[in-house]
Structure formats: C-alpha cells, structure tokens
Amino acid sequence: MKPLHLPSYPALIEEQSGRSVIYDVYRQSMVALTPEEWVRQHFLHYLSDHLGYPRLSIQVESLVASSIRQDRFDAMIYGPGGRVLALIECKAPEVPLSQDTVNQISRYNAHYHAPLLMMTNGLTHLVLQIDYATATAKPLAEIPSYQRALDILQTSKV
C-alpha cells in the first residue's frame, strides 16, 4: 500500500481467500484492504493514538440516517451525550479531495449537524468547522485534538 502522510501503526494484515484483509479495531473484524480502507484505518488510529479521540466514540461505516440512496459515511465521532462531534470522509490516496468531497460530506451532515467535517485521502487532510449561526464553513489549519474538538462542540450552535 502507498505510504501516507499519517503515522504508521502496527496494522494486522492477512490473506484470506486470495485477498488482503486488515483488522478494524472499531468494527472488531477483518475487512477488505482497499486503498480507501488503508487511509481510513491510518486516519482513525491517528485520531485515537495521537490526538486523544476515544476509540469507543468512533463509529465506522454506517448508513446515513435520512439517506434515500443508501449512502454510508466513513466514520462518525460522538461527543458527550451522544451528540455528533465530527463526520469523516476518507478517499483513496489517488483520489484528490475536491468540492465533490465537500459536497458529499455536507450532504451527509445535513442530518447530523456535526460542527466538524474531516476529509482525507491520506496525503491531504481538510477539516471544516461549521458555524450554523452564520451558515459558513471555516477550514482549520490542523486536525484538532479531541479536547479542542470538544471545545468546538461546546460553542457550536445548531
């Protein structure tokens, strides 16, 4: 797999039925090792291992609650009280982050109203802080720590 601009971690990778699989600690199962999954696993481990996001607050690949089209978000982070803190969209390294990526995660977020939208292809990372009072999105200079994300959640007005 392609090297990423994320810290490495001791990934458990195996061959099963002629295909590579990787252990997902969040789903507690082996999943197909695709380029997008490689990015997702590294990004989620970065959040939990380096930025303090509790693993139990991270939900991976679920249907968007109000989606008619069977859309799935890549990951969601919950804050205290079950409030959605962030939505995460992961792309394969060869897929550039674009306005389409922002539109996709924004469409998912129309239901959840998360104050943070995180997008990554493993090489480039983009985090938007949503201000619902002014209906604007502000790019953040870096991926916030869990404590900083909680501060953003606390001041967020939906």
N, C-alpha and C. Protein backbone atom coordinates (compact mmCIF):
# COMPACT_ATOMS: atom_id res chain seq x y z
N MET A 1 0.84 -1.18 0.00
CA MET A 1 0.00 0.00 0.00
C MET A 1 0.88 1.24 0.00
N LYS A 2 0.32 2.30 -0.53
CA LYS A 2 1.03 3.56 -0.68
C LYS A 2 1.32 4.19 0.69
N PRO A 3 2.55 4.74 0.88
CA PRO A 3 2.83 5.46 2.13
C PRO A 3 1.93 6.69 2.24
N LEU A 4 1.52 6.99 3.47
CA LEU A 4 0.60 8.10 3.71
C LEU A 4 1.27 9.18 4.54
N HIS A 5 0.67 10.35 4.58
CA HIS A 5 1.13 11.43 5.45
C HIS A 5 0.42 11.32 6.79
N LEU A 6 0.52 10.15 7.37
CA LEU A 6 -0.05 9.84 8.67
C LEU A 6 0.92 8.89 9.37
N PRO A 7 0.97 8.91 10.70
CA PRO A 7 1.86 7.98 11.39
C PRO A 7 1.45 6.53 11.11
N SER A 8 2.45 5.66 11.03
CA SER A 8 2.15 4.24 10.86
C SER A 8 1.69 3.68 12.20
N TYR A 9 1.09 2.52 12.13
CA TYR A 9 0.67 1.81 13.34
C TYR A 9 0.81 0.33 13.03
N PRO A 10 0.83 -0.54 14.03
CA PRO A 10 1.03 -1.97 13.78
C PRO A 10 -0.24 -2.63 13.23
N ALA A 11 -0.49 -2.43 11.96
CA ALA A 11 -1.69 -2.99 11.32
C ALA A 11 -1.59 -4.50 11.22
N LEU A 12 -2.68 -5.18 11.50
CA LEU A 12 -2.76 -6.63 11.35
C LEU A 12 -3.36 -6.91 9.97
N ILE A 13 -2.52 -7.41 9.06
CA ILE A 13 -2.94 -7.68 7.68
C ILE A 13 -2.73 -9.16 7.41
N GLU A 14 -3.74 -9.78 6.79
CA GLU A 14 -3.68 -11.20 6.45
C GLU A 14 -4.20 -11.41 5.03
N GLU A 15 -3.94 -12.59 4.53
CA GLU A 15 -4.53 -13.03 3.27
C GLU A 15 -5.66 -14.00 3.60
N GLN A 16 -6.84 -13.74 3.07
CA GLN A 16 -7.98 -14.64 3.26
C GLN A 16 -8.66 -14.83 1.91
N SER A 17 -8.78 -16.06 1.49
CA SER A 17 -9.44 -16.38 0.23
C SER A 17 -8.85 -15.59 -0.93
N GLY A 18 -7.53 -15.45 -0.92
CA GLY A 18 -6.86 -14.79 -2.03
C GLY A 18 -6.93 -13.27 -2.03
N ARG A 19 -7.38 -12.67 -0.94
CA ARG A 19 -7.42 -11.20 -0.88
C ARG A 19 -6.85 -10.73 0.45
N SER A 20 -6.32 -9.53 0.44
CA SER A 20 -5.76 -8.96 1.66
C SER A 20 -6.88 -8.37 2.51
N VAL A 21 -6.77 -8.60 3.82
CA VAL A 21 -7.72 -8.03 4.77
C VAL A 21 -6.92 -7.38 5.90
N ILE A 22 -7.55 -6.42 6.55
CA ILE A 22 -6.93 -5.69 7.65
C ILE A 22 -7.88 -5.71 8.83
N TYR A 23 -7.32 -5.81 10.03
CA TYR A 23 -8.17 -5.83 11.22
C TYR A 23 -8.61 -4.41 11.55
N ASP A 24 -9.91 -4.24 11.72
CA ASP A 24 -10.50 -2.96 12.09
C ASP A 24 -10.91 -3.04 13.56
N VAL A 25 -10.19 -2.33 14.42
CA VAL A 25 -10.49 -2.38 15.86
C VAL A 25 -11.84 -1.75 16.17
N TYR A 26 -12.32 -0.88 15.30
CA TYR A 26 -13.59 -0.19 15.55
C TYR A 26 -14.79 -1.09 15.23
N ARG A 27 -14.66 -1.90 14.20
CA ARG A 27 -15.72 -2.86 13.85
C ARG A 27 -15.42 -4.23 14.44
N GLN A 28 -14.24 -4.39 15.00
CA GLN A 28 -13.77 -5.64 15.59
C GLN A 28 -13.90 -6.82 14.63
N SER A 29 -13.40 -6.58 13.41
CA SER A 29 -13.43 -7.65 12.40
C SER A 29 -12.40 -7.36 11.32
N MET A 30 -12.10 -8.39 10.55
CA MET A 30 -11.23 -8.24 9.39
C MET A 30 -12.08 -7.67 8.26
N VAL A 31 -11.54 -6.68 7.54
CA VAL A 31 -12.25 -6.07 6.42
C VAL A 31 -11.32 -6.03 5.21
N ALA A 32 -11.89 -5.97 4.02
CA ALA A 32 -11.10 -5.93 2.79
C ALA A 32 -10.14 -4.75 2.83
N LEU A 33 -8.89 -5.02 2.48
CA LEU A 33 -7.87 -3.98 2.47
C LEU A 33 -7.86 -3.30 1.11
N THR A 34 -8.63 -2.25 1.00
CA THR A 34 -8.66 -1.41 -0.20
C THR A 34 -7.82 -0.16 0.09
N PRO A 35 -7.46 0.59 -0.94
CA PRO A 35 -6.73 1.85 -0.68
C PRO A 35 -7.50 2.78 0.26
N GLU A 36 -8.82 2.88 0.10
CA GLU A 36 -9.62 3.73 0.98
C GLU A 36 -9.60 3.21 2.42
N GLU A 37 -9.67 1.89 2.59
CA GLU A 37 -9.63 1.31 3.94
C GLU A 37 -8.27 1.56 4.59
N TRP A 38 -7.20 1.49 3.80
CA TRP A 38 -5.86 1.78 4.30
C TRP A 38 -5.81 3.19 4.88
N VAL A 39 -6.40 4.15 4.16
CA VAL A 39 -6.46 5.53 4.63
C VAL A 39 -7.32 5.62 5.88
N ARG A 40 -8.51 5.02 5.85
CA ARG A 40 -9.43 5.10 6.99
C ARG A 40 -8.76 4.57 8.26
N GLN A 41 -8.14 3.40 8.18
CA GLN A 41 -7.52 2.82 9.37
C GLN A 41 -6.41 3.70 9.91
N HIS A 42 -5.57 4.22 9.03
CA HIS A 42 -4.49 5.10 9.49
C HIS A 42 -5.03 6.39 10.10
N PHE A 43 -6.04 6.97 9.47
CA PHE A 43 -6.59 8.23 9.97
C PHE A 43 -7.25 8.03 11.33
N LEU A 44 -8.03 6.97 11.48
CA LEU A 44 -8.70 6.72 12.76
C LEU A 44 -7.70 6.40 13.87
N HIS A 45 -6.65 5.65 13.53
CA HIS A 45 -5.61 5.38 14.53
C HIS A 45 -4.88 6.66 14.90
N TYR A 46 -4.66 7.54 13.94
CA TYR A 46 -4.04 8.83 14.23
C TYR A 46 -4.91 9.62 15.21
N LEU A 47 -6.21 9.66 14.95
CA LEU A 47 -7.11 10.38 15.85
C LEU A 47 -7.07 9.81 17.26
N SER A 48 -7.13 8.49 17.38
CA SER A 48 -7.19 7.89 18.72
C SER A 48 -5.81 7.82 19.39
N ASP A 49 -4.80 7.42 18.65
CA ASP A 49 -3.48 7.20 19.26
C ASP A 49 -2.68 8.49 19.48
N HIS A 50 -2.92 9.51 18.66
CA HIS A 50 -2.10 10.72 18.73
C HIS A 50 -2.87 11.97 19.17
N LEU A 51 -4.17 12.01 18.90
CA LEU A 51 -4.94 13.21 19.20
C LEU A 51 -5.96 13.02 20.33
N GLY A 52 -5.99 11.82 20.92
CA GLY A 52 -6.79 11.61 22.12
C GLY A 52 -8.26 11.30 21.93
N TYR A 53 -8.69 11.00 20.71
CA TYR A 53 -10.11 10.65 20.49
C TYR A 53 -10.36 9.25 21.05
N PRO A 54 -11.32 9.08 21.95
CA PRO A 54 -11.60 7.75 22.49
C PRO A 54 -12.10 6.80 21.40
N ARG A 55 -11.54 5.62 21.38
CA ARG A 55 -11.97 4.64 20.35
C ARG A 55 -13.45 4.34 20.42
N LEU A 56 -13.99 4.32 21.63
CA LEU A 56 -15.42 4.00 21.77
C LEU A 56 -16.33 5.09 21.24
N SER A 57 -15.77 6.28 20.98
CA SER A 57 -16.59 7.37 20.44
C SER A 57 -16.64 7.34 18.91
N ILE A 58 -15.90 6.41 18.29
CA ILE A 58 -15.80 6.36 16.83
C ILE A 58 -16.67 5.25 16.28
N GLN A 59 -17.54 5.59 15.36
CA GLN A 59 -18.39 4.62 14.66
C GLN A 59 -17.96 4.60 13.20
N VAL A 60 -17.83 3.42 12.64
CA VAL A 60 -17.32 3.28 11.28
C VAL A 60 -18.40 2.76 10.34
N GLU A 61 -18.44 3.36 9.15
CA GLU A 61 -19.27 2.93 8.02
C GLU A 61 -20.69 2.52 8.40
N SER A 62 -21.52 3.48 8.57
CA SER A 62 -22.94 3.22 8.81
C SER A 62 -23.77 3.99 7.80
N LEU A 63 -24.99 3.52 7.61
CA LEU A 63 -25.89 4.21 6.69
C LEU A 63 -26.22 5.59 7.23
N VAL A 64 -26.28 6.56 6.34
CA VAL A 64 -26.72 7.90 6.72
C VAL A 64 -28.19 7.80 7.07
N ALA A 65 -28.55 8.25 8.24
CA ALA A 65 -29.89 8.02 8.80
C ALA A 65 -31.03 8.45 7.88
N SER A 66 -30.89 9.57 7.19
CA SER A 66 -32.02 10.04 6.38
C SER A 66 -31.81 9.81 4.89
N SER A 67 -30.84 8.98 4.55
CA SER A 67 -30.49 8.80 3.14
C SER A 67 -31.46 7.89 2.41
N ILE A 68 -31.94 8.39 1.31
CA ILE A 68 -32.80 7.59 0.44
C ILE A 68 -31.94 6.70 -0.44
N ARG A 69 -30.69 7.15 -0.70
CA ARG A 69 -29.81 6.49 -1.65
C ARG A 69 -28.89 5.44 -1.02
N GLN A 70 -29.10 5.08 0.22
CA GLN A 70 -28.23 4.11 0.91
C GLN A 70 -26.79 4.61 1.01
N ASP A 71 -26.61 5.90 1.26
CA ASP A 71 -25.27 6.45 1.47
C ASP A 71 -24.71 5.95 2.79
N ARG A 72 -23.38 5.83 2.83
CA ARG A 72 -22.69 5.42 4.05
C ARG A 72 -21.60 6.44 4.36
N PHE A 73 -21.59 6.94 5.59
CA PHE A 73 -20.46 7.79 5.97
C PHE A 73 -19.31 6.87 6.35
N ASP A 74 -18.09 7.35 6.19
CA ASP A 74 -16.91 6.54 6.51
C ASP A 74 -16.72 6.38 8.01
N ALA A 75 -16.87 7.46 8.74
CA ALA A 75 -16.76 7.38 10.20
C ALA A 75 -17.44 8.59 10.82
N MET A 76 -17.87 8.39 12.05
CA MET A 76 -18.52 9.45 12.82
C MET A 76 -17.92 9.41 14.22
N ILE A 77 -17.73 10.58 14.79
CA ILE A 77 -17.23 10.67 16.16
C ILE A 77 -18.32 11.30 17.01
N TYR A 78 -18.61 10.64 18.11
CA TYR A 78 -19.60 11.15 19.05
C TYR A 78 -18.91 11.88 20.19
N GLY A 79 -19.57 12.92 20.65
CA GLY A 79 -19.12 13.64 21.84
C GLY A 79 -19.97 13.22 23.02
N PRO A 80 -19.83 13.93 24.12
CA PRO A 80 -20.63 13.62 25.31
C PRO A 80 -22.13 13.71 25.02
N GLY A 81 -22.88 12.84 25.66
CA GLY A 81 -24.33 12.85 25.50
C GLY A 81 -24.79 12.33 24.15
N GLY A 82 -23.89 11.72 23.39
CA GLY A 82 -24.28 11.16 22.10
C GLY A 82 -24.39 12.18 20.98
N ARG A 83 -23.99 13.42 21.24
CA ARG A 83 -24.04 14.44 20.19
C ARG A 83 -22.93 14.18 19.17
N VAL A 84 -23.25 14.34 17.89
CA VAL A 84 -22.25 14.09 16.85
C VAL A 84 -21.22 15.21 16.86
N LEU A 85 -19.97 14.83 16.99
CA LEU A 85 -18.86 15.77 17.04
C LEU A 85 -18.26 16.00 15.65
N ALA A 86 -18.10 14.92 14.88
CA ALA A 86 -17.47 15.05 13.56
C ALA A 86 -17.92 13.93 12.65
N LEU A 87 -17.99 14.25 11.36
CA LEU A 87 -18.14 13.25 10.31
C LEU A 87 -16.81 13.17 9.58
N ILE A 88 -16.46 11.98 9.13
CA ILE A 88 -15.18 11.77 8.45
C ILE A 88 -15.45 11.11 7.10
N GLU A 89 -14.82 11.65 6.07
CA GLU A 89 -14.89 11.07 4.72
C GLU A 89 -13.47 10.74 4.29
N CYS A 90 -13.24 9.48 3.94
CA CYS A 90 -11.92 9.03 3.50
C CYS A 90 -11.97 8.66 2.03
N LYS A 91 -10.92 9.00 1.33
CA LYS A 91 -10.76 8.66 -0.08
C LYS A 91 -9.45 7.91 -0.24
N ALA A 92 -9.33 7.17 -1.32
CA ALA A 92 -8.07 6.51 -1.65
C ALA A 92 -7.02 7.59 -1.94
N PRO A 93 -5.74 7.29 -1.74
CA PRO A 93 -4.70 8.30 -1.96
C PRO A 93 -4.70 8.91 -3.36
N GLU A 94 -5.10 8.15 -4.35
CA GLU A 94 -5.09 8.67 -5.72
C GLU A 94 -6.32 9.53 -6.04
N VAL A 95 -7.26 9.61 -5.10
CA VAL A 95 -8.47 10.42 -5.31
C VAL A 95 -8.26 11.77 -4.61
N PRO A 96 -8.17 12.85 -5.37
CA PRO A 96 -7.96 14.15 -4.73
C PRO A 96 -9.19 14.61 -3.96
N LEU A 97 -8.95 15.34 -2.89
CA LEU A 97 -10.06 15.98 -2.18
C LEU A 97 -10.52 17.15 -3.05
N SER A 98 -11.82 17.26 -3.24
CA SER A 98 -12.35 18.26 -4.16
C SER A 98 -13.65 18.83 -3.61
N GLN A 99 -14.23 19.73 -4.36
CA GLN A 99 -15.53 20.27 -3.98
C GLN A 99 -16.57 19.15 -3.91
N ASP A 100 -16.42 18.14 -4.76
CA ASP A 100 -17.34 16.99 -4.71
C ASP A 100 -17.26 16.29 -3.35
N THR A 101 -16.04 16.19 -2.80
CA THR A 101 -15.86 15.57 -1.48
C THR A 101 -16.57 16.40 -0.41
N VAL A 102 -16.39 17.71 -0.48
CA VAL A 102 -17.04 18.61 0.47
C VAL A 102 -18.56 18.51 0.33
N ASN A 103 -19.04 18.47 -0.90
CA ASN A 103 -20.49 18.35 -1.13
C ASN A 103 -21.03 17.03 -0.57
N GLN A 104 -20.27 15.95 -0.77
CA GLN A 104 -20.69 14.64 -0.29
C GLN A 104 -20.83 14.63 1.23
N ILE A 105 -19.80 15.06 1.95
CA ILE A 105 -19.85 15.03 3.41
C ILE A 105 -20.87 16.04 3.94
N SER A 106 -21.05 17.14 3.24
CA SER A 106 -22.06 18.13 3.65
C SER A 106 -23.46 17.57 3.50
N ARG A 107 -23.66 16.79 2.45
CA ARG A 107 -24.97 16.14 2.26
C ARG A 107 -25.25 15.18 3.42
N TYR A 108 -24.25 14.41 3.81
CA TYR A 108 -24.42 13.50 4.95
C TYR A 108 -24.69 14.30 6.22
N ASN A 109 -24.01 15.42 6.36
CA ASN A 109 -24.10 16.21 7.58
C ASN A 109 -25.42 16.96 7.71
N ALA A 110 -26.18 17.06 6.65
CA ALA A 110 -27.47 17.75 6.71
C ALA A 110 -28.37 17.12 7.77
N HIS A 111 -28.18 15.85 8.03
CA HIS A 111 -28.98 15.16 9.04
C HIS A 111 -28.36 15.25 10.44
N TYR A 112 -27.01 15.22 10.51
CA TYR A 112 -26.34 15.09 11.81
C TYR A 112 -25.95 16.42 12.45
N HIS A 113 -25.69 17.44 11.67
CA HIS A 113 -25.31 18.77 12.18
C HIS A 113 -24.04 18.74 13.03
N ALA A 114 -23.05 18.00 12.57
CA ALA A 114 -21.76 17.96 13.26
C ALA A 114 -21.04 19.29 13.08
N PRO A 115 -20.34 19.77 14.10
CA PRO A 115 -19.60 21.02 13.95
C PRO A 115 -18.28 20.86 13.19
N LEU A 116 -17.82 19.61 13.02
CA LEU A 116 -16.56 19.36 12.31
C LEU A 116 -16.78 18.35 11.19
N LEU A 117 -16.22 18.66 10.03
CA LEU A 117 -16.21 17.75 8.89
C LEU A 117 -14.75 17.49 8.54
N MET A 118 -14.33 16.22 8.61
CA MET A 118 -12.94 15.85 8.35
C MET A 118 -12.88 15.04 7.06
N MET A 119 -11.97 15.42 6.18
CA MET A 119 -11.80 14.72 4.92
C MET A 119 -10.31 14.42 4.73
N THR A 120 -10.01 13.23 4.23
CA THR A 120 -8.62 12.87 4.00
C THR A 120 -8.51 11.85 2.87
N ASN A 121 -7.40 11.92 2.16
CA ASN A 121 -7.04 10.85 1.24
C ASN A 121 -5.71 10.24 1.69
N GLY A 122 -5.34 10.53 2.92
CA GLY A 122 -4.10 10.02 3.48
C GLY A 122 -2.89 10.89 3.17
N LEU A 123 -3.00 11.71 2.14
CA LEU A 123 -1.92 12.60 1.75
C LEU A 123 -2.26 14.05 2.07
N THR A 124 -3.52 14.38 1.89
CA THR A 124 -4.05 15.71 2.18
C THR A 124 -5.20 15.56 3.16
N HIS A 125 -5.26 16.46 4.12
CA HIS A 125 -6.34 16.43 5.11
C HIS A 125 -7.02 17.79 5.11
N LEU A 126 -8.32 17.78 5.22
CA LEU A 126 -9.10 19.01 5.27
C LEU A 126 -10.12 18.88 6.40
N VAL A 127 -10.13 19.86 7.28
CA VAL A 127 -11.12 19.90 8.36
C VAL A 127 -11.86 21.22 8.26
N LEU A 128 -13.18 21.13 8.20
CA LEU A 128 -14.02 22.32 8.18
C LEU A 128 -14.77 22.42 9.50
N GLN A 129 -14.77 23.62 10.07
CA GLN A 129 -15.59 23.90 11.24
C GLN A 129 -16.83 24.61 10.75
N ILE A 130 -17.99 24.03 11.04
CA ILE A 130 -19.26 24.57 10.56
C ILE A 130 -19.83 25.52 11.60
N ASP A 131 -20.16 26.72 11.16
CA ASP A 131 -20.82 27.70 12.01
C ASP A 131 -22.27 27.78 11.54
N TYR A 132 -23.14 27.17 12.29
CA TYR A 132 -24.55 27.10 11.88
C TYR A 132 -25.26 28.44 12.02
N ALA A 133 -24.77 29.30 12.91
CA ALA A 133 -25.39 30.62 13.10
C ALA A 133 -25.22 31.49 11.86
N THR A 134 -24.06 31.35 11.20
CA THR A 134 -23.79 32.17 10.00
C THR A 134 -23.83 31.36 8.71
N ALA A 135 -24.09 30.06 8.83
CA ALA A 135 -24.12 29.16 7.67
C ALA A 135 -22.82 29.24 6.88
N THR A 136 -21.69 29.17 7.60
CA THR A 136 -20.39 29.21 6.94
C THR A 136 -19.53 28.03 7.41
N ALA A 137 -18.53 27.72 6.60
CA ALA A 137 -17.57 26.67 6.92
C ALA A 137 -16.18 27.28 6.89
N LYS A 138 -15.44 27.09 7.98
CA LYS A 138 -14.10 27.65 8.09
C LYS A 138 -13.08 26.51 8.10
N PRO A 139 -12.12 26.52 7.15
CA PRO A 139 -11.08 25.48 7.19
C PRO A 139 -10.17 25.69 8.40
N LEU A 140 -9.85 24.61 9.08
CA LEU A 140 -8.93 24.67 10.21
C LEU A 140 -7.51 24.38 9.72
N ALA A 141 -6.53 24.98 10.37
CA ALA A 141 -5.13 24.82 9.96
C ALA A 141 -4.61 23.41 10.25
N GLU A 142 -5.22 22.73 11.21
CA GLU A 142 -4.77 21.39 11.56
C GLU A 142 -5.95 20.57 12.08
N ILE A 143 -5.73 19.28 12.17
CA ILE A 143 -6.75 18.39 12.72
C ILE A 143 -6.78 18.64 14.23
N PRO A 144 -7.93 19.00 14.78
CA PRO A 144 -7.96 19.34 16.20
C PRO A 144 -7.83 18.10 17.10
N SER A 145 -7.21 18.32 18.25
CA SER A 145 -7.18 17.28 19.27
C SER A 145 -8.61 17.03 19.74
N TYR A 146 -8.81 15.94 20.45
CA TYR A 146 -10.14 15.64 20.97
C TYR A 146 -10.62 16.76 21.90
N GLN A 147 -9.72 17.25 22.75
CA GLN A 147 -10.12 18.33 23.67
C GLN A 147 -10.53 19.58 22.91
N ARG A 148 -9.77 19.92 21.88
CA ARG A 148 -10.13 21.10 21.06
C ARG A 148 -11.45 20.86 20.35
N ALA A 149 -11.67 19.66 19.85
CA ALA A 149 -12.94 19.33 19.19
C ALA A 149 -14.10 19.45 20.16
N LEU A 150 -13.90 19.03 21.40
CA LEU A 150 -14.96 19.18 22.42
C LEU A 150 -15.25 20.65 22.70
N ASP A 151 -14.21 21.47 22.71
CA ASP A 151 -14.41 22.91 22.89
C ASP A 151 -15.24 23.48 21.74
N ILE A 152 -14.96 23.03 20.53
CA ILE A 152 -15.72 23.48 19.36
C ILE A 152 -17.17 23.03 19.49
N LEU A 153 -17.37 21.78 19.91
CA LEU A 153 -18.73 21.26 20.09
C LEU A 153 -19.49 22.08 21.12
N GLN A 154 -18.81 22.42 22.20
CA GLN A 154 -19.44 23.17 23.30
C GLN A 154 -19.94 24.53 22.83
N THR A 155 -19.19 25.17 21.93
CA THR A 155 -19.57 26.51 21.47
C THR A 155 -20.43 26.48 20.21
N SER A 156 -20.63 25.28 19.66
CA SER A 156 -21.41 25.15 18.42
C SER A 156 -22.90 25.36 18.70
N LYS A 157 -23.51 26.16 17.86
CA LYS A 157 -24.96 26.40 17.98
C LYS A 157 -25.63 25.85 16.74
N VAL A 158 -26.41 24.81 16.92
CA VAL A 158 -27.11 24.19 15.78
C VAL A 158 -28.49 24.78 15.69
